């Protein structure tokens, strides 16, 4: 039987896609390839998660239908850089045995989660 083999991407609507691409390039250092951001599988340090939340769950704003999670190599440095650039950064930072988490809001009001996976030992 045919089956799913992995996660292919995340797709979000934007009022101004061109401006949002430019913002993510400037503030997160992402580079567009073939008109979108791509991440080689070899660059992944942690698993890719596909999860469902109830419509009332407050983990991210209930008015926001989806939230992206980006893996990073230095959570604190990236969030500090975003703060210095005037980006709305949630002061809360969580740490678990599988990694550290922080959040910011992009120019279109999307809450975005950043995850620094724990070092595999």
PDB file of N, CA and C in Angstrom:
ATOM      1  N   UNK A   1       0.841  -1.181   0.000  1.00  0.00           N
ATOM      2  CA  UNK A   1       0.000   0.000   0.000  1.00  0.00           C
ATOM      3  C   UNK A   1       0.891   1.251   0.000  1.00  0.00           C
ATOM      4  N   UNK A   2       0.528   2.248  -0.772  1.00  0.00           N
ATOM      5  CA  UNK A   2       1.265   3.507  -0.797  1.00  0.00           C
ATOM      6  C   UNK A   2       1.100   4.209   0.548  1.00  0.00           C
ATOM      7  N   UNK A   3       2.134   4.924   0.998  1.00  0.00           N
ATOM      8  CA  UNK A   3       2.060   5.602   2.290  1.00  0.00           C
ATOM      9  C   UNK A   3       2.860   6.901   2.277  1.00  0.00           C
ATOM     10  N   UNK A   4       2.632   7.719   3.277  1.00  0.00           N
ATOM     11  CA  UNK A   4       3.361   8.976   3.434  1.00  0.00           C
ATOM     12  C   UNK A   4       4.759   8.652   3.949  1.00  0.00           C
ATOM     13  N   UNK A   5       5.774   9.324   3.405  1.00  0.00           N
ATOM     14  CA  UNK A   5       7.158   9.052   3.803  1.00  0.00           C
ATOM     15  C   UNK A   5       7.812  10.189   4.565  1.00  0.00           C
ATOM     16  N   UNK A   6       7.167  11.350   4.655  1.00  0.00           N
ATOM     17  CA  UNK A   6       7.777  12.460   5.374  1.00  0.00           C
ATOM     18  C   UNK A   6       6.971  13.720   5.228  1.00  0.00           C
ATOM     19  N   UNK A   7       7.498  14.775   5.789  1.00  0.00           N
ATOM     20  CA  UNK A   7       6.840  16.077   5.762  1.00  0.00           C
ATOM     21  C   UNK A   7       7.401  16.882   4.607  1.00  0.00           C
ATOM     22  N   UNK A   8       6.538  17.432   3.778  1.00  0.00           N
ATOM     23  CA  UNK A   8       6.981  18.126   2.577  1.00  0.00           C
ATOM     24  C   UNK A   8       7.103  19.628   2.699  1.00  0.00           C
ATOM     25  N   UNK A   9       6.398  20.270   3.626  1.00  0.00           N
ATOM     26  CA  UNK A   9       6.518  21.717   3.747  1.00  0.00           C
ATOM     27  C   UNK A   9       5.375  22.331   4.511  1.00  0.00           C
ATOM     28  N   UNK A  10       5.463  23.640   4.668  1.00  0.00           N
ATOM     29  CA  UNK A  10       4.423  24.427   5.321  1.00  0.00           C
ATOM     30  C   UNK A  10       4.049  25.559   4.370  1.00  0.00           C
ATOM     31  N   UNK A  11       2.775  25.833   4.257  1.00  0.00           N
ATOM     32  CA  UNK A  11       2.294  26.836   3.311  1.00  0.00           C
ATOM     33  C   UNK A  11       1.371  27.798   4.048  1.00  0.00           C
ATOM     34  N   UNK A  12       1.697  29.076   4.029  1.00  0.00           N
ATOM     35  CA  UNK A  12       0.915  30.090   4.719  1.00  0.00           C
ATOM     36  C   UNK A  12       0.466  31.159   3.739  1.00  0.00           C
ATOM     37  N   UNK A  13      -0.705  31.675   3.938  1.00  0.00           N
ATOM     38  CA  UNK A  13      -1.168  32.808   3.146  1.00  0.00           C
ATOM     39  C   UNK A  13      -0.602  34.086   3.752  1.00  0.00           C
ATOM     40  N   UNK A  14      -0.340  35.076   2.899  1.00  0.00           N
ATOM     41  CA  UNK A  14       0.190  36.351   3.377  1.00  0.00           C
ATOM     42  C   UNK A  14      -0.451  37.481   2.589  1.00  0.00           C
ATOM     43  N   UNK A  15      -0.643  38.617   3.247  1.00  0.00           N
ATOM     44  CA  UNK A  15      -1.180  39.800   2.564  1.00  0.00           C
ATOM     45  C   UNK A  15      -0.193  40.285   1.517  1.00  0.00           C
ATOM     46  N   UNK A  16       1.101  40.226   1.856  1.00  0.00           N
ATOM     47  CA  UNK A  16       2.155  40.685   0.953  1.00  0.00           C
ATOM     48  C   UNK A  16       3.284  39.651   0.974  1.00  0.00           C
ATOM     49  N   UNK A  17       3.159  38.562   0.204  1.00  0.00           N
ATOM     50  CA  UNK A  17       4.166  37.505   0.236  1.00  0.00           C
ATOM     51  C   UNK A  17       5.591  38.005  -0.043  1.00  0.00           C
ATOM     52  N   UNK A  18       5.740  38.904  -1.011  1.00  0.00           N
ATOM     53  CA  UNK A  18       7.080  39.406  -1.349  1.00  0.00           C
ATOM     54  C   UNK A  18       7.723  40.095  -0.154  1.00  0.00           C
ATOM     55  N   UNK A  19       6.987  40.960   0.519  1.00  0.00           N
ATOM     56  CA  UNK A  19       7.527  41.662   1.686  1.00  0.00           C
ATOM     57  C   UNK A  19       7.825  40.692   2.821  1.00  0.00           C
ATOM     58  N   UNK A  20       6.981  39.674   3.005  1.00  0.00           N
ATOM     59  CA  UNK A  20       7.203  38.715   4.082  1.00  0.00           C
ATOM     60  C   UNK A  20       8.436  37.861   3.793  1.00  0.00           C
ATOM     61  N   UNK A  21       8.638  37.451   2.534  1.00  0.00           N
ATOM     62  CA  UNK A  21       9.866  36.733   2.170  1.00  0.00           C
ATOM     63  C   UNK A  21      11.085  37.592   2.513  1.00  0.00           C
ATOM     64  N   UNK A  22      11.029  38.865   2.123  1.00  0.00           N
ATOM     65  CA  UNK A  22      12.166  39.757   2.379  1.00  0.00           C
ATOM     66  C   UNK A  22      12.421  39.928   3.868  1.00  0.00           C
ATOM     67  N   UNK A  23      11.352  40.005   4.680  1.00  0.00           N
ATOM     68  CA  UNK A  23      11.504  40.149   6.128  1.00  0.00           C
ATOM     69  C   UNK A  23      12.183  38.912   6.721  1.00  0.00           C
ATOM     70  N   UNK A  24      11.741  37.718   6.310  1.00  0.00           N
ATOM     71  CA  UNK A  24      12.334  36.477   6.818  1.00  0.00           C
ATOM     72  C   UNK A  24      13.796  36.356   6.361  1.00  0.00           C
ATOM     73  N   UNK A  25      14.086  36.814   5.157  1.00  0.00           N
ATOM     74  CA  UNK A  25      15.478  36.791   4.692  1.00  0.00           C
ATOM     75  C   UNK A  25      16.336  37.724   5.554  1.00  0.00           C
ATOM     76  N   UNK A  26      15.850  38.921   5.805  1.00  0.00           N
ATOM     77  CA  UNK A  26      16.606  39.912   6.567  1.00  0.00           C
ATOM     78  C   UNK A  26      16.797  39.487   8.022  1.00  0.00           C
ATOM     79  N   UNK A  27      15.749  39.046   8.671  1.00  0.00           N
ATOM     80  CA  UNK A  27      15.810  38.807  10.111  1.00  0.00           C
ATOM     81  C   UNK A  27      16.179  37.389  10.523  1.00  0.00           C
ATOM     82  N   UNK A  28      15.946  36.412   9.651  1.00  0.00           N
ATOM     83  CA  UNK A  28      16.251  35.024  10.009  1.00  0.00           C
ATOM     84  C   UNK A  28      17.352  34.419   9.145  1.00  0.00           C
ATOM     85  N   UNK A  29      17.823  35.167   8.147  1.00  0.00           N
ATOM     86  CA  UNK A  29      18.907  34.678   7.316  1.00  0.00           C
ATOM     87  C   UNK A  29      18.514  33.574   6.355  1.00  0.00           C
ATOM     88  N   UNK A  30      17.216  33.438   6.055  1.00  0.00           N
ATOM     89  CA  UNK A  30      16.768  32.412   5.115  1.00  0.00           C
ATOM     90  C   UNK A  30      17.050  32.859   3.688  1.00  0.00           C
ATOM     91  N   UNK A  31      17.236  31.904   2.803  1.00  0.00           N
ATOM     92  CA  UNK A  31      17.503  32.179   1.394  1.00  0.00           C
ATOM     93  C   UNK A  31      16.486  31.441   0.544  1.00  0.00           C
ATOM     94  N   UNK A  32      15.888  32.159  -0.398  1.00  0.00           N
ATOM     95  CA  UNK A  32      14.908  31.534  -1.291  1.00  0.00           C
ATOM     96  C   UNK A  32      15.601  30.718  -2.366  1.00  0.00           C
ATOM     97  N   UNK A  33      15.024  29.544  -2.624  1.00  0.00           N
ATOM     98  CA  UNK A  33      15.458  28.677  -3.711  1.00  0.00           C
ATOM     99  C   UNK A  33      14.190  28.283  -4.455  1.00  0.00           C
ATOM    100  N   UNK A  34      14.141  28.502  -5.738  1.00  0.00           N
ATOM    101  CA  UNK A  34      12.961  28.167  -6.544  1.00  0.00           C
ATOM    102  C   UNK A  34      11.709  28.873  -6.023  1.00  0.00           C
ATOM    103  N   UNK A  35      11.872  30.107  -5.540  1.00  0.00           N
ATOM    104  CA  UNK A  35      10.734  30.910  -5.109  1.00  0.00           C
ATOM    105  C   UNK A  35      10.209  30.624  -3.718  1.00  0.00           C
ATOM    106  N   UNK A  36      10.894  29.763  -2.951  1.00  0.00           N
ATOM    107  CA  UNK A  36      10.448  29.470  -1.585  1.00  0.00           C
ATOM    108  C   UNK A  36      11.678  29.164  -0.726  1.00  0.00           C
ATOM    109  N   UNK A  37      11.482  29.035   0.563  1.00  0.00           N
ATOM    110  CA  UNK A  37      12.568  28.640   1.454  1.00  0.00           C
ATOM    111  C   UNK A  37      12.625  27.122   1.496  1.00  0.00           C
ATOM    112  N   UNK A  38      13.797  26.559   1.331  1.00  0.00           N
ATOM    113  CA  UNK A  38      13.964  25.112   1.427  1.00  0.00           C
ATOM    114  C   UNK A  38      15.037  24.800   2.463  1.00  0.00           C
ATOM    115  N   UNK A  39      14.904  23.648   3.085  1.00  0.00           N
ATOM    116  CA  UNK A  39      15.850  23.202   4.099  1.00  0.00           C
ATOM    117  C   UNK A  39      16.281  21.788   3.744  1.00  0.00           C
ATOM    118  N   UNK A  40      17.557  21.577   3.440  1.00  0.00           N
ATOM    119  CA  UNK A  40      17.996  20.216   3.118  1.00  0.00           C
ATOM    120  C   UNK A  40      17.761  19.281   4.296  1.00  0.00           C
ATOM    121  N   UNK A  41      17.347  18.061   4.010  1.00  0.00           N
ATOM    122  CA  UNK A  41      17.083  17.088   5.080  1.00  0.00           C
ATOM    123  C   UNK A  41      18.317  16.901   5.959  1.00  0.00           C
ATOM    124  N   UNK A  42      19.501  16.998   5.377  1.00  0.00           N
ATOM    125  CA  UNK A  42      20.730  16.804   6.147  1.00  0.00           C
ATOM    126  C   UNK A  42      20.962  17.912   7.173  1.00  0.00           C
ATOM    127  N   UNK A  43      20.284  19.067   7.016  1.00  0.00           N
ATOM    128  CA  UNK A  43      20.453  20.174   7.953  1.00  0.00           C
ATOM    129  C   UNK A  43      19.579  20.018   9.192  1.00  0.00           C
ATOM    130  N   UNK A  44      18.618  19.098   9.157  1.00  0.00           N
ATOM    131  CA  UNK A  44      17.713  18.894  10.290  1.00  0.00           C
ATOM    132  C   UNK A  44      18.482  18.290  11.459  1.00  0.00           C
ATOM    133  N   UNK A  45      18.312  18.874  12.635  1.00  0.00           N
ATOM    134  CA  UNK A  45      18.939  18.329  13.842  1.00  0.00           C
ATOM    135  C   UNK A  45      17.944  17.564  14.686  1.00  0.00           C
ATOM    136  N   UNK A  46      16.674  17.825  14.495  1.00  0.00           N
ATOM    137  CA  UNK A  46      15.637  17.153  15.272  1.00  0.00           C
ATOM    138  C   UNK A  46      14.564  16.645  14.335  1.00  0.00           C
ATOM    139  N   UNK A  47      13.626  15.922  14.901  1.00  0.00           N
ATOM    140  CA  UNK A  47      12.516  15.406  14.109  1.00  0.00           C
ATOM    141  C   UNK A  47      11.633  16.538  13.608  1.00  0.00           C
ATOM    142  N   UNK A  48      10.910  16.292  12.537  1.00  0.00           N
ATOM    143  CA  UNK A  48       9.884  17.208  12.056  1.00  0.00           C
ATOM    144  C   UNK A  48       8.571  16.748  12.686  1.00  0.00           C
ATOM    145  N   UNK A  49       7.838  17.694  13.254  1.00  0.00           N
ATOM    146  CA  UNK A  49       6.614  17.363  13.988  1.00  0.00           C
ATOM    147  C   UNK A  49       5.389  17.797  13.191  1.00  0.00           C
ATOM    148  N   UNK A  50       4.385  16.953  13.167  1.00  0.00           N
ATOM    149  CA  UNK A  50       3.087  17.249  12.560  1.00  0.00           C
ATOM    150  C   UNK A  50       2.076  16.982  13.652  1.00  0.00           C
ATOM    151  N   UNK A  51       1.423  18.027  14.167  1.00  0.00           N
ATOM    152  CA  UNK A  51       0.588  17.897  15.351  1.00  0.00           C
ATOM    153  C   UNK A  51      -0.711  18.677  15.195  1.00  0.00           C
ATOM    154  N   UNK A  52      -1.755  18.218  15.859  1.00  0.00           N
ATOM    155  CA  UNK A  52      -3.050  18.889  15.847  1.00  0.00           C
ATOM    156  C   UNK A  52      -3.324  19.511  17.210  1.00  0.00           C
ATOM    157  N   UNK A  53      -3.949  20.676  17.215  1.00  0.00           N
ATOM    158  CA  UNK A  53      -4.362  21.374  18.431  1.00  0.00           C
ATOM    159  C   UNK A  53      -5.861  21.625  18.339  1.00  0.00           C
ATOM    160  N   UNK A  54      -6.543  21.625  19.463  1.00  0.00           N
ATOM    161  CA  UNK A  54      -7.964  21.954  19.428  1.00  0.00           C
ATOM    162  C   UNK A  54      -8.110  23.428  19.056  1.00  0.00           C
ATOM    163  N   UNK A  55      -9.254  23.804  18.558  1.00  0.00           N
ATOM    164  CA  UNK A  55      -9.494  25.188  18.151  1.00  0.00           C
ATOM    165  C   UNK A  55      -9.389  26.154  19.320  1.00  0.00           C
ATOM    166  N   UNK A  56      -9.572  25.673  20.554  1.00  0.00           N
ATOM    167  CA  UNK A  56      -9.530  26.535  21.738  1.00  0.00           C
ATOM    168  C   UNK A  56      -8.162  26.549  22.418  1.00  0.00           C
ATOM    169  N   UNK A  57      -7.235  25.693  21.994  1.00  0.00           N
ATOM    170  CA  UNK A  57      -5.936  25.596  22.658  1.00  0.00           C
ATOM    171  C   UNK A  57      -5.205  26.939  22.576  1.00  0.00           C
ATOM    172  N   UNK A  58      -4.655  27.390  23.690  1.00  0.00           N
ATOM    173  CA  UNK A  58      -4.003  28.703  23.753  1.00  0.00           C
ATOM    174  C   UNK A  58      -2.502  28.642  23.464  1.00  0.00           C
ATOM    175  N   UNK A  59      -1.985  27.491  23.016  1.00  0.00           N
ATOM    176  CA  UNK A  59      -0.545  27.383  22.744  1.00  0.00           C
ATOM    177  C   UNK A  59      -0.101  28.411  21.699  1.00  0.00           C
ATOM    178  N   UNK A  60      -0.958  28.651  20.715  1.00  0.00           N
ATOM    179  CA  UNK A  60      -0.783  29.789  19.808  1.00  0.00           C
ATOM    180  C   UNK A  60      -2.160  30.403  19.617  1.00  0.00           C
ATOM    181  N   UNK A  61      -2.235  31.659  19.138  1.00  0.00           N
ATOM    182  CA  UNK A  61      -3.520  32.365  19.102  1.00  0.00           C
ATOM    183  C   UNK A  61      -4.612  31.569  18.386  1.00  0.00           C
ATOM    184  N   UNK A  62      -5.777  31.386  19.031  1.00  0.00           N
ATOM    185  CA  UNK A  62      -6.866  30.640  18.395  1.00  0.00           C
ATOM    186  C   UNK A  62      -7.300  31.232  17.050  1.00  0.00           C
ATOM    187  N   UNK A  63      -7.064  32.521  16.841  1.00  0.00           N
ATOM    188  CA  UNK A  63      -7.419  33.147  15.565  1.00  0.00           C
ATOM    189  C   UNK A  63      -6.427  32.787  14.454  1.00  0.00           C
ATOM    190  N   UNK A  64      -5.293  32.222  14.808  1.00  0.00           N
ATOM    191  CA  UNK A  64      -4.258  31.838  13.844  1.00  0.00           C
ATOM    192  C   UNK A  64      -4.435  30.357  13.519  1.00  0.00           C
ATOM    193  N   UNK A  65      -4.764  30.000  12.265  1.00  0.00           N
ATOM    194  CA  UNK A  65      -5.077  28.606  11.957  1.00  0.00           C
ATOM    195  C   UNK A  65      -3.879  27.659  12.008  1.00  0.00           C
ATOM    196  N   UNK A  66      -2.654  28.174  11.883  1.00  0.00           N
ATOM    197  CA  UNK A  66      -1.462  27.326  11.879  1.00  0.00           C
ATOM    198  C   UNK A  66      -0.292  28.107  12.467  1.00  0.00           C
ATOM    199  N   UNK A  67       0.694  27.380  12.965  1.00  0.00           N
ATOM    200  CA  UNK A  67       1.911  28.029  13.452  1.00  0.00           C
ATOM    201  C   UNK A  67       3.095  27.238  12.903  1.00  0.00           C
ATOM    202  N   UNK A  68       4.085  27.950  12.406  1.00  0.00           N
ATOM    203  CA  UNK A  68       5.279  27.261  11.940  1.00  0.00           C
ATOM    204  C   UNK A  68       6.294  27.203  13.075  1.00  0.00           C
ATOM    205  N   UNK A  69       7.124  26.175  13.033  1.00  0.00           N
ATOM    206  CA  UNK A  69       8.196  25.954  13.992  1.00  0.00           C
ATOM    207  C   UNK A  69       9.461  25.810  13.165  1.00  0.00           C
ATOM    208  N   UNK A  70      10.445  26.644  13.459  1.00  0.00           N
ATOM    209  CA  UNK A  70      11.706  26.603  12.729  1.00  0.00           C
ATOM    210  C   UNK A  70      12.819  26.144  13.666  1.00  0.00           C
ATOM    211  N   UNK A  71      13.649  25.209  13.189  1.00  0.00           N
ATOM    212  CA  UNK A  71      14.790  24.767  13.982  1.00  0.00           C
ATOM    213  C   UNK A  71      15.911  25.790  13.852  1.00  0.00           C
ATOM    214  N   UNK A  72      16.571  26.077  14.968  1.00  0.00           N
ATOM    215  CA  UNK A  72      17.663  27.056  14.989  1.00  0.00           C
ATOM    216  C   UNK A  72      18.875  26.464  15.699  1.00  0.00           C
ATOM    217  N   UNK A  73      20.046  27.068  15.461  1.00  0.00           N
ATOM    218  CA  UNK A  73      21.262  26.569  16.106  1.00  0.00           C
ATOM    219  C   UNK A  73      21.618  27.319  17.386  1.00  0.00           C
ATOM    220  N   UNK A  74      21.075  28.528  17.587  1.00  0.00           N
ATOM    221  CA  UNK A  74      21.348  29.304  18.803  1.00  0.00           C
ATOM    222  C   UNK A  74      20.126  30.159  19.117  1.00  0.00           C
ATOM    223  N   UNK A  75      19.186  29.585  19.861  1.00  0.00           N
ATOM    224  CA  UNK A  75      17.916  30.234  20.147  1.00  0.00           C
ATOM    225  C   UNK A  75      18.102  31.601  20.794  1.00  0.00           C
ATOM    226  N   UNK A  76      18.886  31.658  21.856  1.00  0.00           N
ATOM    227  CA  UNK A  76      19.033  32.918  22.595  1.00  0.00           C
ATOM    228  C   UNK A  76      19.621  34.016  21.722  1.00  0.00           C
ATOM    229  N   UNK A  77      20.649  33.708  20.954  1.00  0.00           N
ATOM    230  CA  UNK A  77      21.271  34.722  20.098  1.00  0.00           C
ATOM    231  C   UNK A  77      20.295  35.227  19.038  1.00  0.00           C
ATOM    232  N   UNK A  78      19.525  34.323  18.444  1.00  0.00           N
ATOM    233  CA  UNK A  78      18.579  34.735  17.404  1.00  0.00           C
ATOM    234  C   UNK A  78      17.463  35.588  17.998  1.00  0.00           C
ATOM    235  N   UNK A  79      16.900  35.177  19.143  1.00  0.00           N
ATOM    236  CA  UNK A  79      15.841  35.978  19.759  1.00  0.00           C
ATOM    237  C   UNK A  79      16.371  37.335  20.219  1.00  0.00           C
ATOM    238  N   UNK A  80      17.594  37.371  20.723  1.00  0.00           N
ATOM    239  CA  UNK A  80      18.194  38.654  21.126  1.00  0.00           C
ATOM    240  C   UNK A  80      18.370  39.565  19.912  1.00  0.00           C
ATOM    241  N   UNK A  81      18.789  38.990  18.784  1.00  0.00           N
ATOM    242  CA  UNK A  81      18.958  39.779  17.556  1.00  0.00           C
ATOM    243  C   UNK A  81      17.620  40.314  17.074  1.00  0.00           C
ATOM    244  N   UNK A  82      16.576  39.492  17.133  1.00  0.00           N
ATOM    245  CA  UNK A  82      15.249  39.942  16.723  1.00  0.00           C
ATOM    246  C   UNK A  82      14.759  41.062  17.636  1.00  0.00           C
ATOM    247  N   UNK A  83      14.969  40.917  18.926  1.00  0.00           N
ATOM    248  CA  UNK A  83      14.573  41.957  19.885  1.00  0.00           C
ATOM    249  C   UNK A  83      15.279  43.264  19.565  1.00  0.00           C
ATOM    250  N   UNK A  84      16.580  43.207  19.304  1.00  0.00           N
ATOM    251  CA  UNK A  84      17.359  44.407  18.981  1.00  0.00           C
ATOM    252  C   UNK A  84      16.873  45.071  17.700  1.00  0.00           C
ATOM    253  N   UNK A  85      16.294  44.273  16.792  1.00  0.00           N
ATOM    254  CA  UNK A  85      15.781  44.803  15.526  1.00  0.00           C
ATOM    255  C   UNK A  85      14.356  45.335  15.668  1.00  0.00           C
ATOM    256  N   UNK A  86      13.796  45.277  16.872  1.00  0.00           N
ATOM    257  CA  UNK A  86      12.455  45.806  17.088  1.00  0.00           C
ATOM    258  C   UNK A  86      11.333  44.828  16.815  1.00  0.00           C
ATOM    259  N   UNK A  87      11.669  43.557  16.634  1.00  0.00           N
ATOM    260  CA  UNK A  87      10.654  42.525  16.390  1.00  0.00           C
ATOM    261  C   UNK A  87       9.975  42.193  17.722  1.00  0.00           C
ATOM    262  N   UNK A  88       8.679  41.914  17.673  1.00  0.00           N
ATOM    263  CA  UNK A  88       7.960  41.513  18.881  1.00  0.00           C
ATOM    264  C   UNK A  88       8.360  40.090  19.235  1.00  0.00           C
ATOM    265  N   UNK A  89       9.080  39.959  20.350  1.00  0.00           N
ATOM    266  CA  UNK A  89       9.565  38.660  20.824  1.00  0.00           C
ATOM    267  C   UNK A  89       8.922  38.377  22.177  1.00  0.00           C
ATOM    268  N   UNK A  90       8.369  37.183  22.322  1.00  0.00           N
ATOM    269  CA  UNK A  90       7.794  36.768  23.600  1.00  0.00           C
ATOM    270  C   UNK A  90       8.954  36.590  24.584  1.00  0.00           C
ATOM    271  N   UNK A  91       8.906  37.220  25.757  1.00  0.00           N
ATOM    272  CA  UNK A  91      10.007  37.084  26.712  1.00  0.00           C
ATOM    273  C   UNK A  91      10.122  35.671  27.297  1.00  0.00           C
ATOM    274  N   UNK A  92       9.067  34.871  27.188  1.00  0.00           N
ATOM    275  CA  UNK A  92       9.073  33.502  27.703  1.00  0.00           C
ATOM    276  C   UNK A  92       9.968  32.623  26.838  1.00  0.00           C
ATOM    277  N   UNK A  93      10.807  31.832  27.485  1.00  0.00           N
ATOM    278  CA  UNK A  93      11.619  30.832  26.795  1.00  0.00           C
ATOM    279  C   UNK A  93      11.509  29.542  27.595  1.00  0.00           C
ATOM    280  N   UNK A  94      11.199  28.456  26.918  1.00  0.00           N
ATOM    281  CA  UNK A  94      11.016  27.166  27.575  1.00  0.00           C
ATOM    282  C   UNK A  94      12.178  26.241  27.252  1.00  0.00           C
ATOM    283  N   UNK A  95      12.513  25.394  28.215  1.00  0.00           N
ATOM    284  CA  UNK A  95      13.590  24.422  28.033  1.00  0.00           C
ATOM    285  C   UNK A  95      13.111  23.046  28.494  1.00  0.00           C
ATOM    286  N   UNK A  96      13.352  22.045  27.669  1.00  0.00           N
ATOM    287  CA  UNK A  96      12.973  20.665  27.949  1.00  0.00           C
ATOM    288  C   UNK A  96      14.162  19.767  27.623  1.00  0.00           C
ATOM    289  N   UNK A  97      14.056  18.491  27.929  1.00  0.00           N
ATOM    290  CA  UNK A  97      15.162  17.583  27.623  1.00  0.00           C
ATOM    291  C   UNK A  97      15.396  17.429  26.119  1.00  0.00           C
ATOM    292  N   UNK A  98      14.411  17.771  25.297  1.00  0.00           N
ATOM    293  CA  UNK A  98      14.540  17.657  23.840  1.00  0.00           C
ATOM    294  C   UNK A  98      14.862  18.994  23.163  1.00  0.00           C
ATOM    295  N   UNK A  99      15.023  20.071  23.961  1.00  0.00           N
ATOM    296  CA  UNK A  99      15.435  21.339  23.365  1.00  0.00           C
ATOM    297  C   UNK A  99      14.825  22.562  24.022  1.00  0.00           C
ATOM    298  N   UNK A 100      15.184  23.714  23.468  1.00  0.00           N
ATOM    299  CA  UNK A 100      14.716  25.010  23.968  1.00  0.00           C
ATOM    300  C   UNK A 100      13.795  25.654  22.937  1.00  0.00           C
ATOM    301  N   UNK A 101      12.805  26.430  23.438  1.00  0.00           N
ATOM    302  CA  UNK A 101      11.806  27.047  22.575  1.00  0.00           C
ATOM    303  C   UNK A 101      11.657  28.529  22.891  1.00  0.00           C
ATOM    304  N   UNK A 102      11.388  29.312  21.857  1.00  0.00           N
ATOM    305  CA  UNK A 102      11.066  30.722  21.994  1.00  0.00           C
ATOM    306  C   UNK A 102      10.150  31.120  20.847  1.00  0.00           C
ATOM    307  N   UNK A 103       9.565  32.322  20.953  1.00  0.00           N
ATOM    308  CA  UNK A 103       8.566  32.736  19.963  1.00  0.00           C
ATOM    309  C   UNK A 103       8.726  34.202  19.597  1.00  0.00           C
ATOM    310  N   UNK A 104       8.344  34.529  18.365  1.00  0.00           N
ATOM    311  CA  UNK A 104       8.270  35.919  17.908  1.00  0.00           C
ATOM    312  C   UNK A 104       7.034  36.066  17.044  1.00  0.00           C
ATOM    313  N   UNK A 105       6.695  37.308  16.741  1.00  0.00           N
ATOM    314  CA  UNK A 105       5.564  37.597  15.858  1.00  0.00           C
ATOM    315  C   UNK A 105       6.093  38.279  14.609  1.00  0.00           C
ATOM    316  N   UNK A 106       5.741  37.744  13.444  1.00  0.00           N
ATOM    317  CA  UNK A 106       6.230  38.332  12.191  1.00  0.00           C
ATOM    318  C   UNK A 106       5.377  39.543  11.812  1.00  0.00           C
ATOM    319  N   UNK A 107       5.755  40.278  10.761  1.00  0.00           N
ATOM    320  CA  UNK A 107       5.035  41.508  10.399  1.00  0.00           C
ATOM    321  C   UNK A 107       3.566  41.313  10.043  1.00  0.00           C
ATOM    322  N   UNK A 108       3.151  40.093   9.721  1.00  0.00           N
ATOM    323  CA  UNK A 108       1.747  39.845   9.392  1.00  0.00           C
ATOM    324  C   UNK A 108       0.965  39.340  10.596  1.00  0.00           C
ATOM    325  N   UNK A 109       1.602  39.345  11.780  1.00  0.00           N
ATOM    326  CA  UNK A 109       0.919  38.949  13.003  1.00  0.00           C
ATOM    327  C   UNK A 109       0.952  37.468  13.313  1.00  0.00           C
ATOM    328  N   UNK A 110       1.745  36.695  12.575  1.00  0.00           N
ATOM    329  CA  UNK A 110       1.857  35.258  12.821  1.00  0.00           C
ATOM    330  C   UNK A 110       2.811  34.991  13.978  1.00  0.00           C
ATOM    331  N   UNK A 111       2.364  34.223  14.972  1.00  0.00           N
ATOM    332  CA  UNK A 111       3.253  33.769  16.034  1.00  0.00           C
ATOM    333  C   UNK A 111       4.060  32.614  15.455  1.00  0.00           C
ATOM    334  N   UNK A 112       5.389  32.705  15.568  1.00  0.00           N
ATOM    335  CA  UNK A 112       6.298  31.706  15.019  1.00  0.00           C
ATOM    336  C   UNK A 112       7.116  31.129  16.178  1.00  0.00           C
ATOM    337  N   UNK A 113       7.224  29.809  16.192  1.00  0.00           N
ATOM    338  CA  UNK A 113       7.989  29.137  17.230  1.00  0.00           C
ATOM    339  C   UNK A 113       9.371  28.788  16.708  1.00  0.00           C
ATOM    340  N   UNK A 114      10.390  29.036  17.535  1.00  0.00           N
ATOM    341  CA  UNK A 114      11.755  28.640  17.220  1.00  0.00           C
ATOM    342  C   UNK A 114      12.147  27.524  18.181  1.00  0.00           C
ATOM    343  N   UNK A 115      12.833  26.527  17.651  1.00  0.00           N
ATOM    344  CA  UNK A 115      13.242  25.365  18.453  1.00  0.00           C
ATOM    345  C   UNK A 115      14.712  25.097  18.244  1.00  0.00           C
ATOM    346  N   UNK A 116      15.468  25.083  19.349  1.00  0.00           N
ATOM    347  CA  UNK A 116      16.855  24.655  19.309  1.00  0.00           C
ATOM    348  C   UNK A 116      16.888  23.231  19.868  1.00  0.00           C
ATOM    349  N   UNK A 117      16.985  22.210  18.987  1.00  0.00           N
ATOM    350  CA  UNK A 117      16.983  20.831  19.471  1.00  0.00           C
ATOM    351  C   UNK A 117      18.146  20.588  20.429  1.00  0.00           C
ATOM    352  N   UNK A 118      17.925  19.712  21.403  1.00  0.00           N
ATOM    353  CA  UNK A 118      18.987  19.354  22.333  1.00  0.00           C
ATOM    354  C   UNK A 118      20.078  18.602  21.562  1.00  0.00           C
ATOM    355  N   UNK A 119      21.289  18.775  22.027  1.00  0.00           N
ATOM    356  CA  UNK A 119      22.407  18.035  21.415  1.00  0.00           C
ATOM    357  C   UNK A 119      22.199  16.551  21.653  1.00  0.00           C
ATOM    358  N   UNK A 120      22.411  15.778  20.620  1.00  0.00           N
ATOM    359  CA  UNK A 120      22.282  14.332  20.770  1.00  0.00           C
ATOM    360  C   UNK A 120      23.560  13.797  21.379  1.00  0.00           C
ATOM    361  N   UNK A 121      23.408  13.056  22.440  1.00  0.00           N
ATOM    362  CA  UNK A 121      24.591  12.584  23.153  1.00  0.00           C
ATOM    363  C   UNK A 121      24.719  11.173  23.127  1.00  0.00           C
TER     364      UNK A 121
END
